[in-house]
Amino acid sequence: MRRYGFVILGLTAAACGGEEEETEELPALTCAQGELKLRGNLGAVKVDEVHPLTPPHRFVNVEGGLAGSIDVSGPDGTVNLMFVERLTAPGSVGARVELKLSVPSATWLDNCATDGSFPSTVTLDEDSGGGRFLARELHSVSMTGACEAVIEGELEGCFRFP
């Protein structure tokens, strides 16, 4: 049995006086069926993770003035993507992201947008069998559900429905 882990690697930085930092171009994230991948930098933490997904998943498109959402989950937690523009394949719309993971420790991140904004994006794959998202302006969320500090950085993710 293949086991996936939730790995958060500490970002180490070396100061180089007067030199510009080079950025490495990363390949686009792709996911296998039943997989969630996360990559990015959140504050001083580098994220590069793979999580298993299990049925059921939920994809509800915008209909009759009601918001749409994509929910995927697995033994490590859930990802909820909410949007108010109709999402068609292949296409992208503004979204709000909520990410709750339990491994190795409880992590709850959310856009916490109360001003009507959708600072993240979600893209549906051409075959509608999965998609990608880019989470921006994330906040940490306490176990009571209160939004806390903004976390600098972005989190890129992909998922393929199980």
Foldseek 3Di string as FASTA:
>chain_A
DDDWAFDKAFADDDDDPPDDDDDDDDDDDDDDAQKKWKAKDWARITGTGIDGWDDDWDWAFADPQDWTWTWIADPFFIKIWIFHDGADPFDKGQTKIWTFGPPPHTWTKTLPDPPPGRHKMWGAHNVNQWTKIKHPQIFTADPVGHTDDTIDMIMIMIHGHD
